Amino acid sequence: LEEDPFNPDYVEVDRVLDVAEHTEPNTGQTIKHYLVKWRSLQYEDSTWELQDDVDPAKIKQFEIFSKLPPKEQWKPKKKPIAKEWEKLEESPVYKNENRLRAYQLEGLNWLLFSWYNG
């Protein structure tokens, strides 16, 4: 039997999605587990890993993006005027000249319409 070669991406942390803490009943020690999304795998294949087994840089990145700024720094957006809404007829251009597909453009228009009229 010939086996497929193992993809090394499967053991590389793509990002940390969540953290959970629990106290070990015997020692009273707090243990952290991180929910890890692995590179080249689906989100459904994410696993909980001990803190010591996760790249500290990925944990730091998760902590930075998870932290809300202080309320005094919040800049709420004012709701736009409904009559100013205009349907996008073609996709905006994104990084590397990428564009939205037709169904994505339709979804974006629906979201914008809902924001203006909601």
PDB file of N, CA and C in Angstrom:
ATOM      1  N   LEU A   1       0.832  -1.183   0.000  1.00  0.00           N
ATOM      2  CA  LEU A   1       0.000   0.000   0.000  1.00  0.00           C
ATOM      3  C   LEU A   1       0.875   1.244   0.000  1.00  0.00           C
ATOM      4  N   GLU A   2       0.540   2.157  -0.857  1.00  0.00           N
ATOM      5  CA  GLU A   2       1.283   3.406  -0.912  1.00  0.00           C
ATOM      6  C   GLU A   2       0.509   4.472  -0.146  1.00  0.00           C
ATOM      7  N   GLU A   3       1.166   5.111   0.811  1.00  0.00           N
ATOM      8  CA  GLU A   3       0.506   6.130   1.622  1.00  0.00           C
ATOM      9  C   GLU A   3       0.791   7.519   1.065  1.00  0.00           C
ATOM     10  N   ASP A   4      -0.188   8.421   1.253  1.00  0.00           N
ATOM     11  CA  ASP A   4       0.028   9.810   0.876  1.00  0.00           C
ATOM     12  C   ASP A   4       1.048  10.421   1.823  1.00  0.00           C
ATOM     13  N   PRO A   5       1.925  11.265   1.304  1.00  0.00           N
ATOM     14  CA  PRO A   5       2.882  11.918   2.201  1.00  0.00           C
ATOM     15  C   PRO A   5       2.144  12.845   3.176  1.00  0.00           C
ATOM     16  N   PHE A   6       2.661  12.960   4.382  1.00  0.00           N
ATOM     17  CA  PHE A   6       2.055  13.806   5.410  1.00  0.00           C
ATOM     18  C   PHE A   6       2.314  15.269   5.090  1.00  0.00           C
ATOM     19  N   ASN A   7       1.273  16.074   5.127  1.00  0.00           N
ATOM     20  CA  ASN A   7       1.399  17.502   4.857  1.00  0.00           C
ATOM     21  C   ASN A   7       1.887  18.202   6.135  1.00  0.00           C
ATOM     22  N   PRO A   8       3.075  18.797   6.134  1.00  0.00           N
ATOM     23  CA  PRO A   8       3.601  19.441   7.345  1.00  0.00           C
ATOM     24  C   PRO A   8       2.776  20.649   7.793  1.00  0.00           C
ATOM     25  N   ASP A   9       1.960  21.211   6.898  1.00  0.00           N
ATOM     26  CA  ASP A   9       1.080  22.319   7.293  1.00  0.00           C
ATOM     27  C   ASP A   9       0.129  21.907   8.407  1.00  0.00           C
ATOM     28  N   TYR A  10      -0.204  20.616   8.459  1.00  0.00           N
ATOM     29  CA  TYR A  10      -1.194  20.130   9.421  1.00  0.00           C
ATOM     30  C   TYR A  10      -0.747  20.271  10.868  1.00  0.00           C
ATOM     31  N   VAL A  11       0.527  20.517  11.099  1.00  0.00           N
ATOM     32  CA  VAL A  11       1.012  20.698  12.469  1.00  0.00           C
ATOM     33  C   VAL A  11       1.509  22.130  12.704  1.00  0.00           C
ATOM     34  N   GLU A  12       1.204  23.019  11.760  1.00  0.00           N
ATOM     35  CA  GLU A  12       1.587  24.424  11.912  1.00  0.00           C
ATOM     36  C   GLU A  12       0.350  25.234  12.297  1.00  0.00           C
ATOM     37  N   VAL A  13       0.462  25.995  13.383  1.00  0.00           N
ATOM     38  CA  VAL A  13      -0.662  26.800  13.868  1.00  0.00           C
ATOM     39  C   VAL A  13      -0.950  27.910  12.867  1.00  0.00           C
ATOM     40  N   ASP A  14      -2.194  27.961  12.394  1.00  0.00           N
ATOM     41  CA  ASP A  14      -2.627  29.049  11.529  1.00  0.00           C
ATOM     42  C   ASP A  14      -3.035  30.236  12.390  1.00  0.00           C
ATOM     43  N   ARG A  15      -3.912  29.962  13.371  1.00  0.00           N
ATOM     44  CA  ARG A  15      -4.340  31.008  14.305  1.00  0.00           C
ATOM     45  C   ARG A  15      -4.961  30.376  15.534  1.00  0.00           C
ATOM     46  N   VAL A  16      -5.001  31.150  16.596  1.00  0.00           N
ATOM     47  CA  VAL A  16      -5.686  30.743  17.820  1.00  0.00           C
ATOM     48  C   VAL A  16      -7.076  31.358  17.778  1.00  0.00           C
ATOM     49  N   LEU A  17      -8.097  30.542  18.062  1.00  0.00           N
ATOM     50  CA  LEU A  17      -9.483  30.984  17.966  1.00  0.00           C
ATOM     51  C   LEU A  17     -10.121  31.309  19.312  1.00  0.00           C
ATOM     52  N   ASP A  18      -9.679  30.635  20.380  1.00  0.00           N
ATOM     53  CA  ASP A  18     -10.324  30.809  21.682  1.00  0.00           C
ATOM     54  C   ASP A  18      -9.393  30.304  22.775  1.00  0.00           C
ATOM     55  N   VAL A  19      -9.733  30.640  24.002  1.00  0.00           N
ATOM     56  CA  VAL A  19      -8.966  30.171  25.158  1.00  0.00           C
ATOM     57  C   VAL A  19      -9.947  29.697  26.219  1.00  0.00           C
ATOM     58  N   ALA A  20      -9.556  28.672  26.950  1.00  0.00           N
ATOM     59  CA  ALA A  20     -10.358  28.164  28.065  1.00  0.00           C
ATOM     60  C   ALA A  20      -9.417  27.872  29.225  1.00  0.00           C
ATOM     61  N   GLU A  21      -9.862  28.219  30.423  1.00  0.00           N
ATOM     62  CA  GLU A  21      -9.065  27.957  31.623  1.00  0.00           C
ATOM     63  C   GLU A  21      -9.842  27.046  32.546  1.00  0.00           C
ATOM     64  N   HIS A  22      -9.129  26.185  33.222  1.00  0.00           N
ATOM     65  CA  HIS A  22      -9.748  25.411  34.298  1.00  0.00           C
ATOM     66  C   HIS A  22      -8.708  25.164  35.380  1.00  0.00           C
ATOM     67  N   THR A  23      -9.204  24.919  36.571  1.00  0.00           N
ATOM     68  CA  THR A  23      -8.321  24.671  37.706  1.00  0.00           C
ATOM     69  C   THR A  23      -8.219  23.178  37.939  1.00  0.00           C
ATOM     70  N   GLU A  24      -6.996  22.707  38.010  1.00  0.00           N
ATOM     71  CA  GLU A  24      -6.741  21.292  38.277  1.00  0.00           C
ATOM     72  C   GLU A  24      -7.126  21.008  39.730  1.00  0.00           C
ATOM     73  N   PRO A  25      -8.102  20.095  39.956  1.00  0.00           N
ATOM     74  CA  PRO A  25      -8.598  19.876  41.318  1.00  0.00           C
ATOM     75  C   PRO A  25      -7.538  19.368  42.297  1.00  0.00           C
ATOM     76  N   ASN A  26      -6.601  18.577  41.840  1.00  0.00           N
ATOM     77  CA  ASN A  26      -5.596  18.000  42.739  1.00  0.00           C
ATOM     78  C   ASN A  26      -4.525  19.003  43.156  1.00  0.00           C
ATOM     79  N   THR A  27      -4.152  19.895  42.225  1.00  0.00           N
ATOM     80  CA  THR A  27      -3.040  20.814  42.502  1.00  0.00           C
ATOM     81  C   THR A  27      -3.485  22.258  42.703  1.00  0.00           C
ATOM     82  N   GLY A  28      -4.689  22.596  42.249  1.00  0.00           N
ATOM     83  CA  GLY A  28      -5.154  23.982  42.315  1.00  0.00           C
ATOM     84  C   GLY A  28      -4.529  24.858  41.249  1.00  0.00           C
ATOM     85  N   GLN A  29      -3.756  24.250  40.364  1.00  0.00           N
ATOM     86  CA  GLN A  29      -3.067  24.984  39.299  1.00  0.00           C
ATOM     87  C   GLN A  29      -4.050  25.315  38.177  1.00  0.00           C
ATOM     88  N   THR A  30      -3.955  26.554  37.658  1.00  0.00           N
ATOM     89  CA  THR A  30      -4.783  26.966  36.528  1.00  0.00           C
ATOM     90  C   THR A  30      -4.118  26.513  35.235  1.00  0.00           C
ATOM     91  N   ILE A  31      -4.891  25.840  34.406  1.00  0.00           N
ATOM     92  CA  ILE A  31      -4.380  25.326  33.136  1.00  0.00           C
ATOM     93  C   ILE A  31      -5.145  25.998  32.000  1.00  0.00           C
ATOM     94  N   LYS A  32      -4.403  26.465  30.991  1.00  0.00           N
ATOM     95  CA  LYS A  32      -5.013  27.097  29.818  1.00  0.00           C
ATOM     96  C   LYS A  32      -4.926  26.162  28.625  1.00  0.00           C
ATOM     97  N   HIS A  33      -6.035  26.098  27.901  1.00  0.00           N
ATOM     98  CA  HIS A  33      -6.082  25.406  26.618  1.00  0.00           C
ATOM     99  C   HIS A  33      -6.464  26.437  25.555  1.00  0.00           C
ATOM    100  N   TYR A  34      -5.864  26.315  24.395  1.00  0.00           N
ATOM    101  CA  TYR A  34      -6.174  27.205  23.279  1.00  0.00           C
ATOM    102  C   TYR A  34      -6.778  26.392  22.144  1.00  0.00           C
ATOM    103  N   LEU A  35      -7.835  26.947  21.546  1.00  0.00           N
ATOM    104  CA  LEU A  35      -8.449  26.320  20.376  1.00  0.00           C
ATOM    105  C   LEU A  35      -7.634  26.753  19.162  1.00  0.00           C
ATOM    106  N   VAL A  36      -7.012  25.792  18.514  1.00  0.00           N
ATOM    107  CA  VAL A  36      -6.064  26.064  17.432  1.00  0.00           C
ATOM    108  C   VAL A  36      -6.650  25.652  16.089  1.00  0.00           C
ATOM    109  N   LYS A  37      -6.594  26.580  15.136  1.00  0.00           N
ATOM    110  CA  LYS A  37      -6.942  26.287  13.743  1.00  0.00           C
ATOM    111  C   LYS A  37      -5.617  25.992  13.053  1.00  0.00           C
ATOM    112  N   TRP A  38      -5.515  24.802  12.482  1.00  0.00           N
ATOM    113  CA  TRP A  38      -4.268  24.362  11.855  1.00  0.00           C
ATOM    114  C   TRP A  38      -4.223  24.780  10.389  1.00  0.00           C
ATOM    115  N   ARG A  39      -3.045  25.150   9.920  1.00  0.00           N
ATOM    116  CA  ARG A  39      -2.863  25.573   8.528  1.00  0.00           C
ATOM    117  C   ARG A  39      -3.262  24.442   7.579  1.00  0.00           C
ATOM    118  N   SER A  40      -3.965  24.796   6.524  1.00  0.00           N
ATOM    119  CA  SER A  40      -4.418  23.879   5.463  1.00  0.00           C
ATOM    120  C   SER A  40      -5.497  22.898   5.915  1.00  0.00           C
ATOM    121  N   LEU A  41      -6.027  23.071   7.112  1.00  0.00           N
ATOM    122  CA  LEU A  41      -7.137  22.234   7.574  1.00  0.00           C
ATOM    123  C   LEU A  41      -8.368  23.108   7.784  1.00  0.00           C
ATOM    124  N   GLN A  42      -9.532  22.486   7.768  1.00  0.00           N
ATOM    125  CA  GLN A  42     -10.793  23.196   7.960  1.00  0.00           C
ATOM    126  C   GLN A  42     -10.966  23.596   9.428  1.00  0.00           C
ATOM    127  N   TYR A  43     -11.857  24.541   9.675  1.00  0.00           N
ATOM    128  CA  TYR A  43     -12.144  24.954  11.048  1.00  0.00           C
ATOM    129  C   TYR A  43     -12.678  23.788  11.873  1.00  0.00           C
ATOM    130  N   GLU A  44     -13.414  22.898  11.243  1.00  0.00           N
ATOM    131  CA  GLU A  44     -13.965  21.757  11.981  1.00  0.00           C
ATOM    132  C   GLU A  44     -12.864  20.826  12.499  1.00  0.00           C
ATOM    133  N   ASP A  45     -11.659  20.968  11.984  1.00  0.00           N
ATOM    134  CA  ASP A  45     -10.529  20.154  12.440  1.00  0.00           C
ATOM    135  C   ASP A  45      -9.699  20.856  13.520  1.00  0.00           C
ATOM    136  N   SER A  46     -10.186  22.004  14.003  1.00  0.00           N
ATOM    137  CA  SER A  46      -9.488  22.716  15.077  1.00  0.00           C
ATOM    138  C   SER A  46      -9.495  21.873  16.343  1.00  0.00           C
ATOM    139  N   THR A  47      -8.448  22.023  17.148  1.00  0.00           N
ATOM    140  CA  THR A  47      -8.322  21.224  18.370  1.00  0.00           C
ATOM    141  C   THR A  47      -7.906  22.105  19.543  1.00  0.00           C
ATOM    142  N   TRP A  48      -8.253  21.641  20.748  1.00  0.00           N
ATOM    143  CA  TRP A  48      -7.827  22.308  21.976  1.00  0.00           C
ATOM    144  C   TRP A  48      -6.441  21.796  22.344  1.00  0.00           C
ATOM    145  N   GLU A  49      -5.516  22.725  22.561  1.00  0.00           N
ATOM    146  CA  GLU A  49      -4.135  22.371  22.869  1.00  0.00           C
ATOM    147  C   GLU A  49      -3.678  23.076  24.139  1.00  0.00           C
ATOM    148  N   LEU A  50      -2.788  22.427  24.884  1.00  0.00           N
ATOM    149  CA  LEU A  50      -2.205  23.041  26.074  1.00  0.00           C
ATOM    150  C   LEU A  50      -1.373  24.259  25.688  1.00  0.00           C
ATOM    151  N   GLN A  51      -1.341  25.236  26.568  1.00  0.00           N
ATOM    152  CA  GLN A  51      -0.601  26.470  26.320  1.00  0.00           C
ATOM    153  C   GLN A  51       0.850  26.199  25.928  1.00  0.00           C
ATOM    154  N   ASP A  52       1.488  25.248  26.587  1.00  0.00           N
ATOM    155  CA  ASP A  52       2.895  24.946  26.301  1.00  0.00           C
ATOM    156  C   ASP A  52       3.118  24.390  24.894  1.00  0.00           C
ATOM    157  N   ASP A  53       2.056  23.910  24.259  1.00  0.00           N
ATOM    158  CA  ASP A  53       2.176  23.300  22.935  1.00  0.00           C
ATOM    159  C   ASP A  53       1.846  24.265  21.794  1.00  0.00           C
ATOM    160  N   VAL A  54       1.555  25.526  22.132  1.00  0.00           N
ATOM    161  CA  VAL A  54       1.141  26.504  21.116  1.00  0.00           C
ATOM    162  C   VAL A  54       2.201  27.603  21.016  1.00  0.00           C
ATOM    163  N   ASP A  55       2.493  28.009  19.796  1.00  0.00           N
ATOM    164  CA  ASP A  55       3.468  29.066  19.528  1.00  0.00           C
ATOM    165  C   ASP A  55       3.082  30.336  20.304  1.00  0.00           C
ATOM    166  N   PRO A  56       3.964  30.828  21.188  1.00  0.00           N
ATOM    167  CA  PRO A  56       3.648  32.026  21.976  1.00  0.00           C
ATOM    168  C   PRO A  56       3.312  33.249  21.118  1.00  0.00           C
ATOM    169  N   ALA A  57       3.891  33.357  19.932  1.00  0.00           N
ATOM    170  CA  ALA A  57       3.587  34.488  19.045  1.00  0.00           C
ATOM    171  C   ALA A  57       2.132  34.434  18.584  1.00  0.00           C
ATOM    172  N   LYS A  58       1.613  33.230  18.335  1.00  0.00           N
ATOM    173  CA  LYS A  58       0.213  33.077  17.919  1.00  0.00           C
ATOM    174  C   LYS A  58      -0.725  33.392  19.081  1.00  0.00           C
ATOM    175  N   ILE A  59      -0.316  33.033  20.298  1.00  0.00           N
ATOM    176  CA  ILE A  59      -1.115  33.359  21.481  1.00  0.00           C
ATOM    177  C   ILE A  59      -1.160  34.871  21.669  1.00  0.00           C
ATOM    178  N   LYS A  60      -0.020  35.529  21.527  1.00  0.00           N
ATOM    179  CA  LYS A  60       0.056  36.986  21.669  1.00  0.00           C
ATOM    180  C   LYS A  60      -0.827  37.666  20.626  1.00  0.00           C
ATOM    181  N   GLN A  61      -0.780  37.180  19.397  1.00  0.00           N
ATOM    182  CA  GLN A  61      -1.608  37.734  18.323  1.00  0.00           C
ATOM    183  C   GLN A  61      -3.086  37.597  18.675  1.00  0.00           C
ATOM    184  N   PHE A  62      -3.480  36.438  19.191  1.00  0.00           N
ATOM    185  CA  PHE A  62      -4.861  36.209  19.612  1.00  0.00           C
ATOM    186  C   PHE A  62      -5.259  37.188  20.717  1.00  0.00           C
ATOM    187  N   GLU A  63      -4.393  37.376  21.699  1.00  0.00           N
ATOM    188  CA  GLU A  63      -4.699  38.275  22.816  1.00  0.00           C
ATOM    189  C   GLU A  63      -4.864  39.715  22.343  1.00  0.00           C
ATOM    190  N   ILE A  64      -4.032  40.147  21.420  1.00  0.00           N
ATOM    191  CA  ILE A  64      -4.116  41.514  20.896  1.00  0.00           C
ATOM    192  C   ILE A  64      -5.443  41.728  20.173  1.00  0.00           C
ATOM    193  N   PHE A  65      -5.820  40.788  19.314  1.00  0.00           N
ATOM    194  CA  PHE A  65      -7.038  40.950  18.524  1.00  0.00           C
ATOM    195  C   PHE A  65      -8.306  40.692  19.325  1.00  0.00           C
ATOM    196  N   SER A  66      -8.187  40.021  20.464  1.00  0.00           N
ATOM    197  CA  SER A  66      -9.355  39.715  21.288  1.00  0.00           C
ATOM    198  C   SER A  66      -9.707  40.841  22.249  1.00  0.00           C
ATOM    199  N   LYS A  67      -8.761  41.723  22.470  1.00  0.00           N
ATOM    200  CA  LYS A  67      -8.939  42.767  23.474  1.00  0.00           C
ATOM    201  C   LYS A  67      -9.691  43.958  22.880  1.00  0.00           C
ATOM    202  N   LEU A  68     -10.806  44.309  23.507  1.00  0.00           N
ATOM    203  CA  LEU A  68     -11.558  45.484  23.073  1.00  0.00           C
ATOM    204  C   LEU A  68     -10.854  46.749  23.545  1.00  0.00           C
ATOM    205  N   PRO A  69     -10.874  47.803  22.733  1.00  0.00           N
ATOM    206  CA  PRO A  69     -10.300  49.064  23.204  1.00  0.00           C
ATOM    207  C   PRO A  69     -11.191  49.645  24.309  1.00  0.00           C
ATOM    208  N   PRO A  70     -10.648  50.538  25.132  1.00  0.00           N
ATOM    209  CA  PRO A  70     -11.479  51.171  26.158  1.00  0.00           C
ATOM    210  C   PRO A  70     -12.660  51.900  25.521  1.00  0.00           C
ATOM    211  N   LYS A  71     -13.771  51.940  26.235  1.00  0.00           N
ATOM    212  CA  LYS A  71     -15.008  52.497  25.681  1.00  0.00           C
ATOM    213  C   LYS A  71     -14.827  53.934  25.191  1.00  0.00           C
ATOM    214  N   GLU A  72     -13.974  54.705  25.860  1.00  0.00           N
ATOM    215  CA  GLU A  72     -13.779  56.098  25.437  1.00  0.00           C
ATOM    216  C   GLU A  72     -13.073  56.201  24.085  1.00  0.00           C
ATOM    217  N   GLN A  73     -12.496  55.112  23.607  1.00  0.00           N
ATOM    218  CA  GLN A  73     -11.848  55.105  22.290  1.00  0.00           C
ATOM    219  C   GLN A  73     -12.775  54.604  21.184  1.00  0.00           C
ATOM    220  N   TRP A  74     -13.951  54.134  21.560  1.00  0.00           N
ATOM    221  CA  TRP A  74     -14.892  53.638  20.554  1.00  0.00           C
ATOM    222  C   TRP A  74     -15.332  54.786  19.662  1.00  0.00           C
ATOM    223  N   LYS A  75     -15.436  54.507  18.381  1.00  0.00           N
ATOM    224  CA  LYS A  75     -15.885  55.513  17.421  1.00  0.00           C
ATOM    225  C   LYS A  75     -17.095  54.955  16.675  1.00  0.00           C
ATOM    226  N   PRO A  76     -18.280  55.083  17.268  1.00  0.00           N
ATOM    227  CA  PRO A  76     -19.452  54.519  16.597  1.00  0.00           C
ATOM    228  C   PRO A  76     -19.718  55.225  15.270  1.00  0.00           C
ATOM    229  N   LYS A  77     -20.114  54.439  14.303  1.00  0.00           N
ATOM    230  CA  LYS A  77     -20.427  55.008  12.994  1.00  0.00           C
ATOM    231  C   LYS A  77     -21.875  55.488  12.993  1.00  0.00           C
ATOM    232  N   LYS A  78     -22.080  56.644  12.402  1.00  0.00           N
ATOM    233  CA  LYS A  78     -23.441  57.157  12.278  1.00  0.00           C
ATOM    234  C   LYS A  78     -24.142  56.407  11.159  1.00  0.00           C
ATOM    235  N   LYS A  79     -25.415  56.137  11.390  1.00  0.00           N
ATOM    236  CA  LYS A  79     -26.199  55.431  10.386  1.00  0.00           C
ATOM    237  C   LYS A  79     -26.379  56.332   9.162  1.00  0.00           C
ATOM    238  N   PRO A  80     -26.118  55.805   7.970  1.00  0.00           N
ATOM    239  CA  PRO A  80     -26.274  56.624   6.763  1.00  0.00           C
ATOM    240  C   PRO A  80     -27.753  56.867   6.440  1.00  0.00           C
ATOM    241  N   ILE A  81     -27.973  57.843   5.603  1.00  0.00           N
ATOM    242  CA  ILE A  81     -29.335  58.187   5.183  1.00  0.00           C
ATOM    243  C   ILE A  81     -29.781  57.195   4.112  1.00  0.00           C
ATOM    244  N   ALA A  82     -30.982  56.630   4.293  1.00  0.00           N
ATOM    245  CA  ALA A  82     -31.477  55.555   3.418  1.00  0.00           C
ATOM    246  C   ALA A  82     -31.494  55.954   1.944  1.00  0.00           C
ATOM    247  N   LYS A  83     -31.887  57.177   1.645  1.00  0.00           N
ATOM    248  CA  LYS A  83     -32.003  57.566   0.229  1.00  0.00           C
ATOM    249  C   LYS A  83     -30.645  57.726  -0.455  1.00  0.00           C
ATOM    250  N   GLU A  84     -29.558  57.691   0.307  1.00  0.00           N
ATOM    251  CA  GLU A  84     -28.221  57.802  -0.276  1.00  0.00           C
ATOM    252  C   GLU A  84     -27.657  56.458  -0.735  1.00  0.00           C
ATOM    253  N   TRP A  85     -28.367  55.357  -0.430  1.00  0.00           N
ATOM    254  CA  TRP A  85     -27.875  54.037  -0.815  1.00  0.00           C
ATOM    255  C   TRP A  85     -27.855  53.898  -2.327  1.00  0.00           C
ATOM    256  N   GLU A  86     -26.760  53.361  -2.847  1.00  0.00           N
ATOM    257  CA  GLU A  86     -26.641  53.069  -4.274  1.00  0.00           C
ATOM    258  C   GLU A  86     -26.135  51.650  -4.439  1.00  0.00           C
ATOM    259  N   LYS A  87     -26.775  50.916  -5.318  1.00  0.00           N
ATOM    260  CA  LYS A  87     -26.368  49.542  -5.587  1.00  0.00           C
ATOM    261  C   LYS A  87     -25.012  49.539  -6.287  1.00  0.00           C
ATOM    262  N   LEU A  88     -24.129  48.664  -5.839  1.00  0.00           N
ATOM    263  CA  LEU A  88     -22.843  48.488  -6.512  1.00  0.00           C
ATOM    264  C   LEU A  88     -23.071  47.614  -7.742  1.00  0.00           C
ATOM    265  N   GLU A  89     -22.740  48.125  -8.909  1.00  0.00           N
ATOM    266  CA  GLU A  89     -22.958  47.378 -10.146  1.00  0.00           C
ATOM    267  C   GLU A  89     -21.793  46.442 -10.461  1.00  0.00           C
ATOM    268  N   GLU A  90     -20.618  46.808  -9.967  1.00  0.00           N
ATOM    269  CA  GLU A  90     -19.474  45.917 -10.161  1.00  0.00           C
ATOM    270  C   GLU A  90     -18.656  45.867  -8.880  1.00  0.00           C
ATOM    271  N   SER A  91     -17.864  44.841  -8.781  1.00  0.00           N
ATOM    272  CA  SER A  91     -17.099  44.587  -7.565  1.00  0.00           C
ATOM    273  C   SER A  91     -16.007  45.625  -7.357  1.00  0.00           C
ATOM    274  N   PRO A  92     -15.802  46.008  -6.103  1.00  0.00           N
ATOM    275  CA  PRO A  92     -14.595  46.781  -5.817  1.00  0.00           C
ATOM    276  C   PRO A  92     -13.375  45.896  -6.093  1.00  0.00           C
ATOM    277  N   VAL A  93     -12.238  46.516  -6.336  1.00  0.00           N
ATOM    278  CA  VAL A  93     -11.001  45.768  -6.566  1.00  0.00           C
ATOM    279  C   VAL A  93     -10.285  45.646  -5.227  1.00  0.00           C
ATOM    280  N   TYR A  94      -9.873  44.427  -4.917  1.00  0.00           N
ATOM    281  CA  TYR A  94      -9.205  44.152  -3.650  1.00  0.00           C
ATOM    282  C   TYR A  94      -7.743  43.823  -3.895  1.00  0.00           C
ATOM    283  N   LYS A  95      -7.065  43.429  -2.853  1.00  0.00           N
ATOM    284  CA  LYS A  95      -5.643  43.088  -2.917  1.00  0.00           C
ATOM    285  C   LYS A  95      -5.381  42.086  -4.043  1.00  0.00           C
ATOM    286  N   ASN A  96      -4.292  42.270  -4.747  1.00  0.00           N
ATOM    287  CA  ASN A  96      -3.881  41.409  -5.865  1.00  0.00           C
ATOM    288  C   ASN A  96      -4.896  41.397  -7.006  1.00  0.00           C
ATOM    289  N   GLU A  97      -5.604  42.509  -7.178  1.00  0.00           N
ATOM    290  CA  GLU A  97      -6.583  42.657  -8.264  1.00  0.00           C
ATOM    291  C   GLU A  97      -7.760  41.686  -8.148  1.00  0.00           C
ATOM    292  N   ASN A  98      -8.010  41.174  -6.954  1.00  0.00           N
ATOM    293  CA  ASN A  98      -9.150  40.267  -6.759  1.00  0.00           C
ATOM    294  C   ASN A  98     -10.457  41.040  -6.776  1.00  0.00           C
ATOM    295  N   ARG A  99     -11.498  40.363  -7.212  1.00  0.00           N
ATOM    296  CA  ARG A  99     -12.845  40.941  -7.256  1.00  0.00           C
ATOM    297  C   ARG A  99     -13.833  39.944  -6.671  1.00  0.00           C
ATOM    298  N   LEU A 100     -14.979  40.468  -6.243  1.00  0.00           N
ATOM    299  CA  LEU A 100     -16.033  39.604  -5.721  1.00  0.00           C
ATOM    300  C   LEU A 100     -16.701  38.849  -6.857  1.00  0.00           C
ATOM    301  N   ARG A 101     -17.180  37.666  -6.547  1.00  0.00           N
ATOM    302  CA  ARG A 101     -18.000  36.922  -7.504  1.00  0.00           C
ATOM    303  C   ARG A 101     -19.406  37.508  -7.473  1.00  0.00           C
ATOM    304  N   ALA A 102     -20.220  37.158  -8.466  1.00  0.00           N
ATOM    305  CA  ALA A 102     -21.558  37.747  -8.587  1.00  0.00           C
ATOM    306  C   ALA A 102     -22.380  37.539  -7.318  1.00  0.00           C
ATOM    307  N   TYR A 103     -22.368  36.328  -6.761  1.00  0.00           N
ATOM    308  CA  TYR A 103     -23.174  36.073  -5.566  1.00  0.00           C
ATOM    309  C   TYR A 103     -22.627  36.829  -4.350  1.00  0.00           C
ATOM    310  N   GLN A 104     -21.304  37.062  -4.319  1.00  0.00           N
ATOM    311  CA  GLN A 104     -20.719  37.830  -3.220  1.00  0.00           C
ATOM    312  C   GLN A 104     -21.094  39.308  -3.340  1.00  0.00           C
ATOM    313  N   LEU A 105     -21.093  39.815  -4.576  1.00  0.00           N
ATOM    314  CA  LEU A 105     -21.500  41.197  -4.815  1.00  0.00           C
ATOM    315  C   LEU A 105     -22.962  41.382  -4.430  1.00  0.00           C
ATOM    316  N   GLU A 106     -23.800  40.402  -4.752  1.00  0.00           N
ATOM    317  CA  GLU A 106     -25.209  40.455  -4.363  1.00  0.00           C
ATOM    318  C   GLU A 106     -25.337  40.501  -2.834  1.00  0.00           C
ATOM    319  N   GLY A 107     -24.550  39.686  -2.147  1.00  0.00           N
ATOM    320  CA  GLY A 107     -24.567  39.681  -0.685  1.00  0.00           C
ATOM    321  C   GLY A 107     -24.096  41.003  -0.103  1.00  0.00           C
ATOM    322  N   LEU A 108     -23.044  41.578  -0.693  1.00  0.00           N
ATOM    323  CA  LEU A 108     -22.544  42.868  -0.232  1.00  0.00           C
ATOM    324  C   LEU A 108     -23.607  43.945  -0.420  1.00  0.00           C
ATOM    325  N   ASN A 109     -24.273  43.944  -1.566  1.00  0.00           N
ATOM    326  CA  ASN A 109     -25.344  44.909  -1.803  1.00  0.00           C
ATOM    327  C   ASN A 109     -26.471  44.747  -0.791  1.00  0.00           C
ATOM    328  N   TRP A 110     -26.825  43.508  -0.466  1.00  0.00           N
ATOM    329  CA  TRP A 110     -27.877  43.262   0.518  1.00  0.00           C
ATOM    330  C   TRP A 110     -27.469  43.803   1.891  1.00  0.00           C
ATOM    331  N   LEU A 111     -26.210  43.553   2.280  1.00  0.00           N
ATOM    332  CA  LEU A 111     -25.725  44.055   3.571  1.00  0.00           C
ATOM    333  C   LEU A 111     -25.740  45.584   3.612  1.00  0.00           C
ATOM    334  N   LEU A 112     -25.274  46.209   2.538  1.00  0.00           N
ATOM    335  CA  LEU A 112     -25.274  47.670   2.488  1.00  0.00           C
ATOM    336  C   LEU A 112     -26.695  48.223   2.527  1.00  0.00           C
ATOM    337  N   PHE A 113     -27.591  47.612   1.752  1.00  0.00           N
ATOM    338  CA  PHE A 113     -28.988  48.046   1.750  1.00  0.00           C
ATOM    339  C   PHE A 113     -29.578  47.925   3.149  1.00  0.00           C
ATOM    340  N   SER A 114     -29.308  46.819   3.817  1.00  0.00           N
ATOM    341  CA  SER A 114     -29.830  46.601   5.170  1.00  0.00           C
ATOM    342  C   SER A 114     -29.263  47.624   6.150  1.00  0.00           C
ATOM    343  N   TRP A 115     -27.989  47.979   5.986  1.00  0.00           N
ATOM    344  CA  TRP A 115     -27.369  48.970   6.864  1.00  0.00           C
ATOM    345  C   TRP A 115     -28.016  50.338   6.664  1.00  0.00           C
ATOM    346  N   TYR A 116     -28.232  50.713   5.422  1.00  0.00           N
ATOM    347  CA  TYR A 116     -28.834  52.011   5.140  1.00  0.00           C
ATOM    348  C   TYR A 116     -30.304  52.064   5.558  1.00  0.00           C
ATOM    349  N   ASN A 117     -31.014  50.957   5.432  1.00  0.00           N
ATOM    350  CA  ASN A 117     -32.465  50.960   5.654  1.00  0.00           C
ATOM    351  C   ASN A 117     -32.908  50.273   6.944  1.00  0.00           C
ATOM    352  N   GLY A 118     -31.975  49.732   7.695  1.00  0.00           N
ATOM    353  CA  GLY A 118     -32.325  48.947   8.882  1.00  0.00           C
ATOM    354  C   GLY A 118     -32.711  49.739  10.087  1.00  0.00           C
TER     355      GLY A 118
END
